[in-house]
Protein backbone atom coordinates (compact mmCIF):
# COMPACT_ATOMS: atom_id res chain seq x y z
CA MET A 1 -77.43 -1.30 -60.84
CA SER A 2 -76.87 2.44 -60.00
CA ARG A 3 -77.08 5.95 -61.32
CA SER A 4 -76.69 8.63 -58.83
CA SER A 5 -76.11 12.74 -58.58
CA GLU A 6 -74.24 13.89 -55.91
CA ASP A 7 -73.77 17.16 -53.80
CA ALA A 8 -70.52 18.93 -52.37
CA SER A 9 -71.72 19.51 -48.97
CA ALA A 10 -69.16 18.02 -46.43
CA ARG A 11 -70.33 14.53 -45.28
CA PRO A 12 -70.17 13.13 -41.61
CA PRO A 13 -67.14 11.21 -40.20
CA ARG A 14 -67.74 7.13 -41.52
CA VAL A 15 -66.16 3.76 -39.93
CA ASP A 16 -64.78 1.48 -41.43
CA LEU A 17 -67.52 -1.05 -42.36
CA ASP A 18 -65.08 -3.58 -43.28
CA SER A 19 -63.89 -3.56 -39.60
CA PRO A 20 -65.38 -7.06 -37.45
CA ALA A 21 -64.15 -4.36 -34.34
CA VAL A 22 -67.35 -2.26 -35.69
CA TYR A 23 -69.69 -4.93 -35.46
CA ALA A 24 -68.64 -6.29 -31.99
CA SER A 25 -68.77 -3.23 -30.93
CA PHE A 26 -72.08 -1.56 -32.21
CA ASP A 27 -73.82 -5.07 -32.60
CA PRO A 28 -73.28 -6.99 -29.89
CA SER A 29 -76.85 -8.92 -30.21
CA ASP A 30 -75.78 -10.47 -33.39
CA MET A 31 -78.44 -8.88 -35.78
CA ARG A 32 -76.33 -9.26 -38.81
CA ALA A 33 -76.81 -13.07 -37.78
CA ARG A 34 -80.80 -12.87 -38.06
CA ILE A 35 -80.59 -10.83 -41.35
CA ALA A 36 -78.06 -13.48 -42.93
CA GLY A 37 -80.57 -15.84 -42.06
CA LEU A 38 -83.61 -14.58 -44.02
CA PRO A 39 -83.53 -17.26 -47.26
CA GLY A 40 -82.90 -20.10 -44.89
CA HIS A 41 -86.03 -18.35 -42.98
CA ALA A 42 -88.08 -17.68 -45.54
CA ARG A 43 -87.73 -21.69 -46.96
CA SER A 44 -88.74 -23.15 -43.34
CA ALA A 45 -91.51 -21.06 -43.43
CA TRP A 46 -92.86 -21.85 -46.51
CA ASP A 47 -92.63 -25.19 -46.07
CA ARG A 48 -94.04 -25.25 -42.55
CA GLY A 49 -97.30 -23.19 -44.10
CA SER A 50 -97.42 -25.87 -46.91
CA ALA A 51 -97.45 -28.99 -44.85
CA TRP A 52 -99.76 -27.51 -41.67
CA PRO A 53 -102.91 -29.30 -41.33
CA LEU A 54 -105.48 -26.65 -42.93
CA PRO A 55 -108.32 -26.43 -40.51
CA ALA A 56 -111.96 -26.96 -41.78
CA GLY A 57 -112.87 -23.27 -41.51
CA LEU A 58 -110.19 -22.33 -44.16
CA GLN A 59 -110.60 -24.90 -46.61
CA THR A 60 -113.44 -22.87 -48.34
CA PRO A 61 -111.98 -19.33 -50.01
CA PRO A 62 -113.48 -16.33 -47.79
CA SER A 63 -115.06 -13.40 -49.30
CA ARG A 64 -112.54 -11.09 -48.29
CA VAL A 65 -109.15 -11.46 -45.64
CA LEU A 66 -108.52 -9.03 -42.90
CA ILE A 67 -104.87 -9.15 -41.29
CA LEU A 68 -104.69 -7.48 -38.29
CA ALA A 69 -100.93 -6.28 -37.38
CA VAL A 70 -98.76 -3.96 -36.85
CA GLY A 71 -94.91 -2.90 -36.98
CA GLY A 72 -92.68 -5.44 -37.79
CA SER A 73 -95.64 -7.98 -37.22
CA ALA A 74 -97.74 -6.74 -40.35
CA ILE A 75 -94.65 -6.58 -43.41
CA GLY A 76 -96.18 -10.44 -44.11
CA GLY A 77 -99.72 -9.26 -44.29
CA ASP A 78 -98.43 -5.72 -46.29
CA VAL A 79 -96.75 -8.03 -48.84
CA VAL A 80 -99.27 -10.71 -49.48
CA ALA A 81 -101.63 -7.71 -49.87
CA THR A 82 -99.88 -6.22 -52.16
CA LEU A 83 -99.47 -9.48 -54.36
CA ALA A 84 -103.29 -10.19 -54.15
CA SER A 85 -104.35 -6.78 -55.83
CA SER A 86 -103.17 -7.93 -59.26
CA THR A 87 -103.91 -12.09 -58.69
CA THR A 88 -107.34 -12.67 -57.25
CA THR A 89 -111.07 -10.77 -56.87
CA ILE A 90 -110.14 -11.77 -53.39
CA PRO A 91 -109.67 -8.09 -51.27
CA ILE A 92 -107.14 -8.89 -48.86
CA GLN A 93 -106.97 -5.77 -46.26
CA LEU A 94 -104.69 -4.51 -43.74
CA VAL A 95 -105.58 -3.12 -40.60
CA ARG A 96 -103.24 -1.47 -38.71
CA ASN A 97 -105.43 -0.87 -35.44
CA TYR A 98 -107.81 -1.26 -32.89
CA ARG A 99 -110.91 -1.42 -34.56
CA LEU A 100 -112.52 -3.45 -37.19
CA PRO A 101 -114.33 -2.78 -40.46
CA PRO A 102 -117.75 -4.60 -40.63
CA LEU A 103 -117.96 -8.22 -40.81
CA ASP A 104 -119.59 -11.01 -42.28
CA GLU A 105 -119.53 -14.56 -41.81
CA HIS A 106 -117.78 -15.56 -44.96
CA THR A 107 -115.03 -12.86 -44.06
CA LEU A 108 -111.50 -14.42 -42.87
CA VAL A 109 -109.84 -12.61 -40.21
CA VAL A 110 -105.95 -13.44 -39.75
CA ALA A 111 -104.35 -12.14 -36.47
CA CYS A 112 -100.43 -11.72 -36.90
CA SER A 113 -98.46 -11.06 -33.96
CA PHE A 114 -95.10 -12.19 -33.17
CA SER A 115 -95.16 -11.68 -29.74
CA GLY A 116 -98.46 -12.63 -29.33
CA GLU A 117 -98.66 -9.35 -27.17
CA THR A 118 -99.83 -6.55 -29.36
CA GLU A 119 -102.78 -5.01 -28.31
CA GLU A 120 -103.76 -3.82 -31.42
CA ALA A 121 -104.26 -7.28 -32.97
CA ILE A 122 -105.31 -8.48 -29.93
CA ALA A 123 -108.24 -5.75 -29.31
CA ALA A 124 -109.55 -6.34 -33.30
CA PHE A 125 -109.28 -10.25 -32.87
CA GLY A 126 -111.17 -10.25 -29.47
CA ALA A 127 -114.05 -8.54 -31.19
CA ALA A 128 -113.10 -10.69 -34.72
CA LEU A 129 -113.94 -13.78 -32.54
CA ALA A 130 -117.42 -12.49 -31.57
CA VAL A 131 -118.81 -12.54 -35.27
CA PRO A 132 -118.97 -15.93 -36.72
CA GLY A 133 -116.72 -16.86 -39.52
CA PRO A 134 -113.29 -18.42 -40.38
CA ARG A 135 -110.38 -17.04 -37.63
CA LEU A 136 -106.53 -17.75 -37.67
CA ALA A 137 -103.99 -16.63 -35.52
CA ILE A 138 -100.10 -16.44 -36.14
CA THR A 139 -97.72 -15.68 -33.70
CA THR A 140 -94.99 -17.47 -31.39
CA GLY A 141 -97.22 -17.49 -28.62
CA GLY A 142 -98.58 -14.45 -25.79
CA ALA A 143 -101.94 -13.54 -25.09
CA LEU A 144 -102.95 -13.78 -28.89
CA ALA A 145 -102.15 -17.68 -28.65
CA THR A 146 -104.25 -18.06 -25.62
CA LEU A 147 -107.36 -15.56 -26.81
CA ALA A 148 -107.34 -17.92 -29.95
CA ALA A 149 -107.08 -21.06 -28.47
CA SER A 150 -109.87 -20.17 -26.00
CA ALA A 151 -112.24 -19.53 -28.72
CA GLY A 152 -111.40 -22.79 -30.39
CA ALA A 153 -109.63 -20.72 -33.44
CA PRO A 154 -106.78 -22.63 -35.04
CA VAL A 155 -102.93 -20.67 -34.70
CA PHE A 156 -100.34 -21.55 -36.73
CA SER A 157 -97.42 -21.01 -34.00
CA TYR A 158 -93.37 -20.72 -35.00
CA GLN A 159 -90.41 -19.97 -32.90
CA PHE A 160 -87.96 -17.30 -33.78
CA ASP A 161 -84.85 -15.82 -31.77
CA GLY A 162 -84.89 -12.65 -32.98
CA PRO A 163 -87.08 -8.78 -33.12
CA PRO A 164 -90.29 -9.31 -34.82
CA ARG A 165 -88.73 -7.08 -38.07
CA SER A 166 -86.13 -9.64 -38.47
CA ALA A 167 -88.57 -12.38 -39.21
CA LEU A 168 -89.61 -11.07 -42.36
CA GLY A 169 -88.85 -14.70 -43.76
CA HIS A 170 -91.92 -15.95 -41.60
CA GLY A 171 -93.77 -12.78 -41.72
CA ILE A 172 -94.15 -13.75 -45.52
CA PHE A 173 -94.00 -16.74 -46.73
CA ALA A 174 -95.86 -18.92 -43.91
CA LEU A 175 -98.84 -16.46 -44.45
CA LEU A 176 -98.41 -16.66 -48.14
CA ALA A 177 -98.39 -20.65 -48.20
CA ILE A 178 -101.78 -20.63 -45.57
CA LEU A 179 -103.75 -18.12 -47.90
CA SER A 180 -102.37 -19.86 -51.12
CA ARG A 181 -103.38 -23.11 -50.06
CA ALA A 182 -106.86 -21.87 -48.75
CA GLY A 183 -107.42 -20.14 -52.11
CA VAL A 184 -107.51 -16.52 -51.38
CA LEU A 185 -104.58 -16.13 -54.11
CA PRO A 186 -102.55 -18.00 -56.66
CA VAL A 187 -99.28 -18.86 -56.13
CA ASP A 188 -96.52 -19.79 -58.83
CA ASP A 189 -94.27 -22.45 -57.32
CA SER A 190 -91.38 -21.55 -59.71
CA ALA A 191 -91.24 -18.02 -58.28
CA VAL A 192 -91.21 -18.80 -54.97
CA ALA A 193 -87.85 -21.02 -55.59
CA SER A 194 -86.51 -18.33 -57.94
CA THR A 195 -87.14 -15.92 -54.69
CA PHE A 196 -85.42 -18.28 -52.07
CA ARG A 197 -82.36 -18.33 -55.04
CA GLY A 198 -82.30 -15.02 -55.39
CA LEU A 199 -81.95 -14.15 -51.49
CA GLU A 200 -79.11 -16.69 -50.80
CA GLN A 201 -77.09 -14.58 -53.98
CA ASP A 202 -77.82 -11.58 -52.01
CA ALA A 203 -76.96 -12.89 -48.73
CA ALA A 204 -73.36 -13.63 -50.30
CA ARG A 205 -73.40 -10.38 -52.19
CA PHE A 206 -74.17 -8.10 -48.80
CA ALA A 207 -72.78 -10.03 -46.28
CA PRO A 208 -70.31 -8.29 -43.64
CA SER A 209 -67.52 -9.89 -45.23
CA VAL A 210 -67.48 -8.71 -48.60
CA ALA A 211 -65.27 -5.47 -48.95
CA ALA A 212 -67.27 -1.96 -49.17
CA ALA A 213 -65.78 -1.64 -52.80
CA ASP A 214 -67.99 -4.82 -54.06
CA ASN A 215 -70.56 -4.75 -51.24
CA GLU A 216 -74.09 -2.35 -52.75
CA ALA A 217 -75.44 -2.16 -49.16
CA LYS A 218 -72.50 -0.69 -47.51
CA ALA A 219 -72.03 1.69 -50.44
CA LEU A 220 -75.68 3.23 -50.01
CA ALA A 221 -75.30 2.76 -46.35
CA THR A 222 -72.42 5.09 -46.72
CA TRP A 223 -74.28 7.62 -49.34
CA ILE A 224 -77.29 7.90 -47.05
CA HIS A 225 -75.35 8.61 -43.48
CA GLY A 226 -75.93 11.65 -42.39
CA ARG A 227 -78.91 12.36 -44.90
CA LEU A 228 -82.56 11.83 -44.55
CA PRO A 229 -83.62 8.99 -47.50
CA LEU A 230 -87.04 9.27 -49.13
CA ILE A 231 -87.13 5.71 -50.78
CA VAL A 232 -89.65 5.48 -53.86
CA GLY A 233 -91.33 2.18 -54.69
CA ALA A 234 -92.15 2.00 -58.48
CA ASP A 235 -95.74 -0.06 -58.75
CA PHE A 236 -95.78 -2.90 -55.97
CA LEU A 237 -92.42 -1.60 -54.78
CA GLU A 238 -93.95 0.52 -53.00
CA VAL A 239 -94.38 -2.13 -49.93
CA ALA A 240 -90.69 -2.32 -50.44
CA ALA A 241 -89.80 1.39 -49.91
CA ARG A 242 -92.03 0.92 -46.90
CA ARG A 243 -89.90 -1.60 -45.42
CA TRP A 244 -87.01 0.59 -45.96
CA ALA A 245 -87.99 3.71 -44.13
CA GLY A 246 -89.43 1.40 -41.35
CA GLN A 247 -86.23 -0.72 -41.09
CA ILE A 248 -84.25 2.53 -41.53
CA SER A 249 -85.95 3.81 -38.46
CA GLU A 250 -85.75 0.89 -35.97
CA ASN A 251 -82.09 -0.58 -37.26
CA ALA A 252 -80.20 2.61 -37.72
CA LYS A 253 -82.38 5.16 -35.51
CA GLN A 254 -82.92 7.91 -37.47
CA TRP A 255 -85.76 9.16 -39.75
CA ALA A 256 -86.50 7.52 -43.62
CA PHE A 257 -89.70 8.46 -45.73
CA ALA A 258 -91.10 6.21 -48.46
CA GLY A 259 -92.86 7.74 -51.57
CA ALA A 260 -94.79 5.81 -54.29
CA LEU A 261 -95.25 5.81 -57.98
CA PRO A 262 -97.19 7.03 -59.79
CA GLU A 263 -98.55 8.73 -57.32
CA LEU A 264 -95.58 10.81 -55.99
CA ASN A 265 -95.77 12.19 -59.61
CA HIS A 266 -99.40 13.64 -58.92
CA ASN A 267 -98.37 15.77 -55.47
CA LEU A 268 -95.18 15.39 -53.69
CA ILE A 269 -93.16 15.83 -56.86
CA MET A 270 -94.30 19.41 -56.49
CA GLY A 271 -92.27 20.30 -53.53
CA ILE A 272 -88.93 18.55 -53.62
CA GLY A 273 -87.24 21.53 -53.69
CA SER A 274 -88.24 23.07 -51.28
CA PRO A 275 -87.03 24.09 -48.75
CA GLU A 276 -83.44 24.76 -49.67
CA PHE A 277 -82.64 22.03 -47.25
CA ALA A 278 -84.10 19.34 -48.91
CA ARG A 279 -81.45 19.93 -51.31
CA ARG A 280 -78.74 19.38 -49.30
CA HIS A 281 -79.56 16.89 -46.59
CA PHE A 282 -81.97 14.67 -48.43
CA ARG A 283 -81.15 11.23 -50.42
CA ALA A 284 -83.85 9.80 -53.20
CA ILE A 285 -83.54 5.82 -53.84
CA LEU A 286 -85.86 4.79 -56.82
CA LEU A 287 -86.97 1.23 -56.63
CA ASP A 288 -87.35 -0.47 -60.19
CA ALA A 289 -87.71 -3.54 -61.45
CA GLU A 290 -88.46 -5.73 -65.11
CA PRO A 291 -91.82 -6.88 -63.78
CA VAL A 292 -92.59 -3.34 -63.09
CA HIS A 293 -95.69 -1.87 -65.38
CA ALA A 294 -94.01 0.22 -68.33
CA ARG A 295 -95.28 3.23 -67.84
CA ASN A 296 -94.02 2.95 -64.19
CA ARG A 297 -90.81 2.43 -65.54
CA LEU A 298 -90.25 5.57 -67.98
CA ARG A 299 -92.15 7.56 -64.35
CA VAL A 300 -88.68 6.17 -62.21
CA GLN A 301 -86.47 7.54 -65.51
CA LEU A 302 -88.35 10.87 -65.52
CA THR A 303 -88.88 11.10 -61.65
CA ALA A 304 -84.56 10.80 -61.19
CA ARG A 305 -84.96 13.75 -64.09
CA GLU A 306 -86.76 15.86 -61.96
CA PHE A 307 -85.00 15.24 -58.83
CA HIS A 308 -81.33 15.91 -60.70
CA ALA A 309 -82.81 18.87 -62.07
CA VAL A 310 -83.14 20.33 -58.45
CA ASP A 311 -79.72 18.87 -56.95
CA ILE A 312 -81.21 16.05 -55.04
CA ALA A 313 -78.70 13.54 -55.08
CA THR A 314 -80.36 10.52 -56.30
CA ARG A 315 -79.87 6.69 -57.26
CA THR A 316 -82.06 4.25 -59.33
CA LEU A 317 -81.91 0.63 -58.07
CA THR A 318 -83.10 -1.74 -60.51
CA ILE A 319 -83.82 -4.76 -58.21
CA PRO A 320 -83.16 -8.70 -59.93
CA GLY A 321 -85.93 -10.88 -60.69
CA ASP A 322 -88.92 -11.85 -62.66
CA SER A 323 -91.72 -11.71 -60.70
CA ALA A 324 -93.49 -9.35 -58.27
CA LEU A 325 -92.44 -11.98 -55.06
CA GLU A 326 -89.05 -12.04 -56.01
CA THR A 327 -88.37 -8.70 -56.67
CA ILE A 328 -90.05 -7.17 -53.72
CA ALA A 329 -88.33 -10.01 -51.21
CA ARG A 330 -85.13 -9.00 -53.02
CA ALA A 331 -85.58 -5.04 -52.37
CA SER A 332 -86.90 -5.89 -48.65
CA TYR A 333 -83.55 -7.73 -48.45
CA LEU A 334 -81.34 -5.12 -49.79
CA GLY A 335 -82.75 -2.11 -47.63
CA ASP A 336 -82.42 -4.35 -44.47
CA TRP A 337 -78.56 -4.75 -45.08
CA VAL A 338 -78.68 -1.19 -46.03
CA SER A 339 -80.65 -0.27 -42.54
CA PHE A 340 -78.32 -2.55 -40.80
CA TYR A 341 -74.78 -0.99 -42.46
CA LEU A 342 -75.81 2.89 -41.34
CA ALA A 343 -76.16 1.44 -37.80
CA MET A 344 -73.30 0.75 -37.56
CA LEU A 345 -72.39 4.37 -39.25
CA ASN A 346 -74.41 5.72 -37.20
CA GLY A 347 -72.71 4.12 -34.22
CA ALA A 348 -76.05 2.33 -33.04
CA ASP A 349 -77.26 -1.16 -32.05
CA PRO A 350 -79.72 -2.41 -34.29
CA TRP A 351 -81.37 -4.30 -31.91
CA THR A 352 -82.58 -2.61 -29.20
CA VAL A 353 -85.73 0.15 -29.85
CA GLU A 354 -86.23 2.15 -26.25
CA PRO A 355 -88.71 4.78 -27.56
CA ILE A 356 -91.02 1.93 -27.94
CA ALA A 357 -90.42 -0.11 -25.01
CA ARG A 358 -91.39 3.20 -23.30
CA LEU A 359 -94.49 3.54 -24.74
CA LYS A 360 -95.34 0.19 -24.40
CA SER A 361 -94.49 0.54 -20.73
CA ALA A 362 -96.61 3.71 -20.64
CA LEU A 363 -99.42 2.30 -22.48
CA ALA A 364 -99.88 -0.84 -20.02
CA ARG A 365 -100.10 1.28 -17.10
CA HIS A 366 -103.24 2.57 -18.81
CA PRO A 367 -104.81 -1.15 -19.22
CA MET A 368 -107.71 -0.94 -21.72
CA ASP A 369 -111.08 -1.54 -21.44
């Protein structure tokens, strides 16, 4: 499933990823259980989104969709927008900020906030409520649910015991089901079913109980450990590369970077061998899959060749799956497991996010106008 080139530099000390004591020590809140539960979460979210009574305002296809979200709450919108870009004429735009673009009465605005307390999404949704048009909040509660309810806007609510980034199944599949039923984009039920089966297979393959010798997620985390990873997604797998980078940052408490093909071939590739630091300290992972455009699959091979030429240690991962949905979901899931095992190797608790909490606390001392 992977091809690699290695450098001969010394590696940092490693912990034993096959030892239960490692998980007891560094994962006291049991993030691994939330990651392991993704296939079930995804099925539940799809079922609930498919059965949810569709409000009157969502029964006519909109002219476009704006999804308001940031951080872990944004992954669902990011994936759905990626899928929509090649399947529908209705544009879906992800807004990761306080301000909205201009609206008309046919624009559907969906605010996605796991906690319901995300100030960017709340500010933008509040502005959207002042303009006629269909609105929807997807949240576990909080101020967003209160704001939507007070304005008579529908709320799709769910419960999940974990941080926002671990609710990947809810983030993708509830939104996907609702927008499909609203006529925004077509969804192939067989592709959804295949995605769930693939995620279940991956949950078994990457679990902590699977020895490192047979566990690709553990092997990749060990290979990345002590280095700066660059994750490159080919074609629609760009969104999975962003997910990898975000999860490694939040779970493993280290920097990671995301890139995309073909864009990377037109700029970033010019700098891959410089400074010399990059050769010694970067790891490049290229995400590929059968449904990726043939020219972009060729670009994966040629890009890996360029990385090898300047001694950047590189691996190409061919993600299983027959559809964009399945390969995005499974690529993201592998990245979640890699970020978790990398957290263990870094001696980091994957649950806690103190700098984010500090920033939110500091912002709270400066109320919005």
